[in-house]
């Protein structure tokens, strides 16, 4: 059995990282439906927007996980969490 997951979805534009990026919920819906995604993780650069996360979770038919792309001195790491209230209210 294959499970389709994308652990690296950006929804916020971050200065010097992805300037000019504009999030489209319609594009994300089409992306997840076309590729038949089972789950995605919202992993913006050093930020988590609970309101937007909830909007995306409500709109999609797949599992949406909270996360963050944490900047480090020499790179970055994606942190993904279970979709529980404790993990969304940091």
N, C-alpha and C. Protein backbone atom coordinates (compact mmCIF):
# COMPACT_ATOMS: atom_id res chain seq x y z
N UNK A 1 0.83 -1.18 0.00
CA UNK A 1 0.00 0.00 0.00
C UNK A 1 0.89 1.25 0.00
N UNK A 2 0.57 2.17 -0.88
CA UNK A 2 1.32 3.42 -0.97
C UNK A 2 0.53 4.54 -0.31
N UNK A 3 1.22 5.32 0.50
CA UNK A 3 0.62 6.49 1.14
C UNK A 3 1.31 7.72 0.56
N UNK A 4 0.53 8.66 0.06
CA UNK A 4 1.07 9.87 -0.57
C UNK A 4 1.04 11.02 0.42
N UNK A 5 2.25 11.53 0.75
CA UNK A 5 2.38 12.62 1.71
C UNK A 5 3.38 13.63 1.19
N UNK A 6 3.06 14.90 1.33
CA UNK A 6 3.99 15.98 1.02
C UNK A 6 4.27 16.72 2.33
N UNK A 7 5.48 16.58 2.85
CA UNK A 7 5.86 17.16 4.14
C UNK A 7 6.41 18.58 4.02
N UNK A 8 6.26 19.21 2.86
CA UNK A 8 6.93 20.51 2.67
C UNK A 8 6.04 21.45 1.86
N UNK A 9 4.96 21.92 2.48
CA UNK A 9 4.03 22.84 1.83
C UNK A 9 4.18 24.22 2.47
N UNK A 10 4.44 25.23 1.63
CA UNK A 10 4.51 26.62 2.10
C UNK A 10 3.20 27.32 1.79
N UNK A 11 2.74 28.12 2.74
CA UNK A 11 1.51 28.90 2.55
C UNK A 11 1.72 30.38 2.88
N UNK A 12 2.89 30.73 3.38
CA UNK A 12 3.22 32.10 3.73
C UNK A 12 4.49 32.53 3.01
N UNK A 13 4.51 33.76 2.52
CA UNK A 13 5.72 34.30 1.90
C UNK A 13 6.65 34.80 3.01
N UNK A 14 7.91 34.45 2.90
CA UNK A 14 8.89 34.85 3.91
C UNK A 14 10.00 35.65 3.24
N UNK A 15 10.30 36.81 3.82
CA UNK A 15 11.34 37.68 3.28
C UNK A 15 12.66 36.94 3.15
N UNK A 16 13.31 37.09 2.04
CA UNK A 16 14.61 36.51 1.69
C UNK A 16 14.56 35.00 1.45
N UNK A 17 13.41 34.37 1.67
CA UNK A 17 13.30 32.93 1.42
C UNK A 17 12.47 32.68 0.16
N UNK A 18 11.28 33.26 0.13
CA UNK A 18 10.39 33.05 -1.00
C UNK A 18 9.57 34.31 -1.26
N UNK A 19 10.27 35.45 -1.35
CA UNK A 19 9.62 36.73 -1.61
C UNK A 19 8.70 36.65 -2.82
N UNK A 20 7.52 37.25 -2.69
CA UNK A 20 6.62 37.31 -3.82
C UNK A 20 5.72 36.11 -3.98
N UNK A 21 5.93 35.08 -3.19
CA UNK A 21 5.08 33.90 -3.24
C UNK A 21 3.67 34.26 -2.78
N UNK A 22 2.67 33.84 -3.52
CA UNK A 22 1.28 34.07 -3.14
C UNK A 22 0.57 32.73 -3.03
N UNK A 23 0.07 32.44 -1.85
CA UNK A 23 -0.61 31.19 -1.58
C UNK A 23 -1.98 31.17 -2.25
N UNK A 24 -2.34 30.02 -2.81
CA UNK A 24 -3.65 29.84 -3.42
C UNK A 24 -4.28 28.56 -2.87
N UNK A 25 -5.36 28.71 -2.13
CA UNK A 25 -6.05 27.55 -1.60
C UNK A 25 -6.63 26.71 -2.75
N UNK A 26 -7.08 27.36 -3.80
CA UNK A 26 -7.59 26.62 -4.95
C UNK A 26 -6.51 25.76 -5.59
N UNK A 27 -5.29 26.31 -5.71
CA UNK A 27 -4.18 25.53 -6.27
C UNK A 27 -3.88 24.34 -5.37
N UNK A 28 -3.85 24.56 -4.04
CA UNK A 28 -3.53 23.48 -3.11
C UNK A 28 -4.60 22.39 -3.16
N UNK A 29 -5.86 22.78 -3.26
CA UNK A 29 -6.93 21.78 -3.39
C UNK A 29 -6.74 20.94 -4.64
N UNK A 30 -6.46 21.61 -5.75
CA UNK A 30 -6.25 20.90 -7.02
C UNK A 30 -5.03 19.98 -6.93
N UNK A 31 -3.96 20.47 -6.34
CA UNK A 31 -2.72 19.69 -6.16
C UNK A 31 -3.00 18.42 -5.37
N UNK A 32 -3.65 18.56 -4.22
CA UNK A 32 -3.89 17.38 -3.38
C UNK A 32 -4.87 16.41 -4.01
N UNK A 33 -5.86 16.92 -4.74
CA UNK A 33 -6.83 16.05 -5.40
C UNK A 33 -6.22 15.34 -6.61
N UNK A 34 -5.49 16.09 -7.43
CA UNK A 34 -4.90 15.52 -8.64
C UNK A 34 -3.90 14.41 -8.30
N UNK A 35 -3.08 14.65 -7.27
CA UNK A 35 -2.07 13.66 -6.88
C UNK A 35 -2.59 12.65 -5.87
N UNK A 36 -3.87 12.79 -5.50
CA UNK A 36 -4.50 11.88 -4.54
C UNK A 36 -3.70 11.77 -3.25
N UNK A 37 -3.36 12.94 -2.71
CA UNK A 37 -2.56 12.99 -1.48
C UNK A 37 -3.37 12.47 -0.31
N UNK A 38 -2.72 11.68 0.54
CA UNK A 38 -3.34 11.21 1.77
C UNK A 38 -3.14 12.24 2.89
N UNK A 39 -2.02 12.96 2.82
CA UNK A 39 -1.71 13.95 3.86
C UNK A 39 -0.71 14.96 3.33
N UNK A 40 -0.74 16.14 3.94
CA UNK A 40 0.27 17.16 3.69
C UNK A 40 0.65 17.78 5.03
N UNK A 41 1.80 18.43 5.06
CA UNK A 41 2.23 19.17 6.24
C UNK A 41 2.50 20.61 5.83
N UNK A 42 1.93 21.55 6.56
CA UNK A 42 2.18 22.97 6.34
C UNK A 42 3.45 23.32 7.09
N UNK A 43 4.53 23.64 6.36
CA UNK A 43 5.84 23.89 6.98
C UNK A 43 6.42 25.19 6.45
N UNK A 44 5.87 26.30 6.92
CA UNK A 44 6.39 27.61 6.54
C UNK A 44 7.69 27.91 7.26
N UNK A 45 8.43 28.87 6.74
CA UNK A 45 9.71 29.26 7.33
C UNK A 45 9.49 29.94 8.68
N UNK A 46 9.87 29.28 9.76
CA UNK A 46 9.90 29.86 11.11
C UNK A 46 8.57 30.48 11.53
N UNK A 47 7.45 29.97 11.01
CA UNK A 47 6.15 30.56 11.34
C UNK A 47 5.05 29.51 11.27
N UNK A 48 4.03 29.74 12.08
CA UNK A 48 2.84 28.90 12.05
C UNK A 48 1.63 29.80 12.23
N UNK A 49 0.69 29.76 11.30
CA UNK A 49 -0.50 30.59 11.32
C UNK A 49 -1.70 29.68 11.57
N UNK A 50 -2.19 29.66 12.82
CA UNK A 50 -3.27 28.74 13.20
C UNK A 50 -4.55 29.01 12.42
N UNK A 51 -4.90 30.27 12.21
CA UNK A 51 -6.12 30.60 11.47
C UNK A 51 -6.05 30.04 10.05
N UNK A 52 -4.93 30.27 9.39
CA UNK A 52 -4.78 29.77 8.02
C UNK A 52 -4.73 28.24 8.00
N UNK A 53 -4.04 27.65 8.97
CA UNK A 53 -3.96 26.19 9.06
C UNK A 53 -5.36 25.59 9.16
N UNK A 54 -6.20 26.16 10.04
CA UNK A 54 -7.56 25.65 10.20
C UNK A 54 -8.38 25.82 8.93
N UNK A 55 -8.20 26.93 8.23
CA UNK A 55 -8.90 27.17 6.97
C UNK A 55 -8.51 26.10 5.95
N UNK A 56 -7.23 25.80 5.86
CA UNK A 56 -6.75 24.78 4.92
C UNK A 56 -7.26 23.40 5.32
N UNK A 57 -7.18 23.08 6.60
CA UNK A 57 -7.66 21.77 7.09
C UNK A 57 -9.13 21.56 6.76
N UNK A 58 -9.92 22.60 6.94
CA UNK A 58 -11.35 22.50 6.67
C UNK A 58 -11.65 22.35 5.19
N UNK A 59 -10.80 22.89 4.33
CA UNK A 59 -11.06 22.91 2.89
C UNK A 59 -10.60 21.65 2.16
N UNK A 60 -9.65 20.92 2.73
CA UNK A 60 -9.06 19.78 2.02
C UNK A 60 -9.66 18.45 2.46
N UNK A 61 -9.60 17.48 1.57
CA UNK A 61 -10.10 16.14 1.86
C UNK A 61 -9.02 15.22 2.42
N UNK A 62 -7.80 15.71 2.53
CA UNK A 62 -6.71 14.89 3.07
C UNK A 62 -6.36 15.37 4.48
N UNK A 63 -5.52 14.60 5.15
CA UNK A 63 -5.03 14.99 6.47
C UNK A 63 -4.07 16.15 6.31
N UNK A 64 -4.19 17.15 7.17
CA UNK A 64 -3.29 18.30 7.17
C UNK A 64 -2.59 18.34 8.52
N UNK A 65 -1.26 18.29 8.48
CA UNK A 65 -0.46 18.27 9.71
C UNK A 65 0.21 19.62 9.93
N UNK A 66 0.31 20.05 11.19
CA UNK A 66 1.02 21.30 11.49
C UNK A 66 2.52 21.06 11.53
N UNK A 67 3.26 22.08 11.11
CA UNK A 67 4.72 21.98 11.16
C UNK A 67 5.36 23.33 10.97
N UNK A 68 6.67 23.30 10.87
CA UNK A 68 7.45 24.52 10.64
C UNK A 68 8.76 24.12 9.97
N UNK A 69 9.24 24.96 9.06
CA UNK A 69 10.57 24.79 8.50
C UNK A 69 11.48 25.70 9.31
N UNK A 70 12.25 25.12 10.20
CA UNK A 70 13.08 25.86 11.15
C UNK A 70 14.44 26.17 10.54
N UNK A 71 14.77 27.46 10.49
CA UNK A 71 16.07 27.87 9.96
C UNK A 71 17.17 27.60 10.98
N UNK A 72 18.27 27.05 10.49
CA UNK A 72 19.45 26.78 11.31
C UNK A 72 20.62 27.59 10.76
N UNK A 73 21.73 27.58 11.43
CA UNK A 73 22.89 28.35 10.99
C UNK A 73 23.34 27.95 9.58
N UNK A 74 23.29 26.67 9.27
CA UNK A 74 23.77 26.19 7.97
C UNK A 74 22.72 25.36 7.24
N UNK A 75 21.48 25.81 7.25
CA UNK A 75 20.44 25.06 6.54
C UNK A 75 19.10 25.19 7.23
N UNK A 76 18.34 24.12 7.18
CA UNK A 76 17.02 24.11 7.80
C UNK A 76 16.59 22.67 8.07
N UNK A 77 15.53 22.54 8.87
CA UNK A 77 14.95 21.23 9.14
C UNK A 77 13.43 21.41 9.20
N UNK A 78 12.70 20.46 8.63
CA UNK A 78 11.25 20.48 8.69
C UNK A 78 10.79 19.68 9.90
N UNK A 79 10.00 20.31 10.76
CA UNK A 79 9.42 19.65 11.92
C UNK A 79 7.93 19.49 11.66
N UNK A 80 7.43 18.27 11.79
CA UNK A 80 6.02 17.98 11.54
C UNK A 80 5.46 17.32 12.79
N UNK A 81 4.24 17.72 13.15
CA UNK A 81 3.64 17.26 14.40
C UNK A 81 2.29 16.60 14.16
N UNK A 82 1.84 15.82 15.14
CA UNK A 82 0.49 15.28 15.10
C UNK A 82 -0.49 16.44 15.10
N UNK A 83 -1.64 16.23 14.51
CA UNK A 83 -2.66 17.26 14.44
C UNK A 83 -3.51 17.23 15.71
N UNK A 84 -2.93 17.72 16.81
CA UNK A 84 -3.64 17.81 18.09
C UNK A 84 -3.63 19.26 18.54
N UNK A 85 -4.55 19.62 19.42
CA UNK A 85 -4.63 21.00 19.91
C UNK A 85 -3.33 21.43 20.59
N UNK A 86 -2.69 20.56 21.36
CA UNK A 86 -1.43 20.92 22.02
C UNK A 86 -0.35 21.30 21.02
N UNK A 87 -0.31 20.66 19.88
CA UNK A 87 0.72 20.93 18.89
C UNK A 87 0.41 22.15 18.03
N UNK A 88 -0.82 22.62 18.02
CA UNK A 88 -1.18 23.78 17.21
C UNK A 88 -1.19 25.06 18.01
N UNK A 89 -1.14 24.99 19.32
CA UNK A 89 -1.22 26.17 20.17
C UNK A 89 0.10 26.47 20.87
N UNK A 90 1.16 26.49 20.12
CA UNK A 90 2.49 26.76 20.67
C UNK A 90 2.73 28.26 20.78
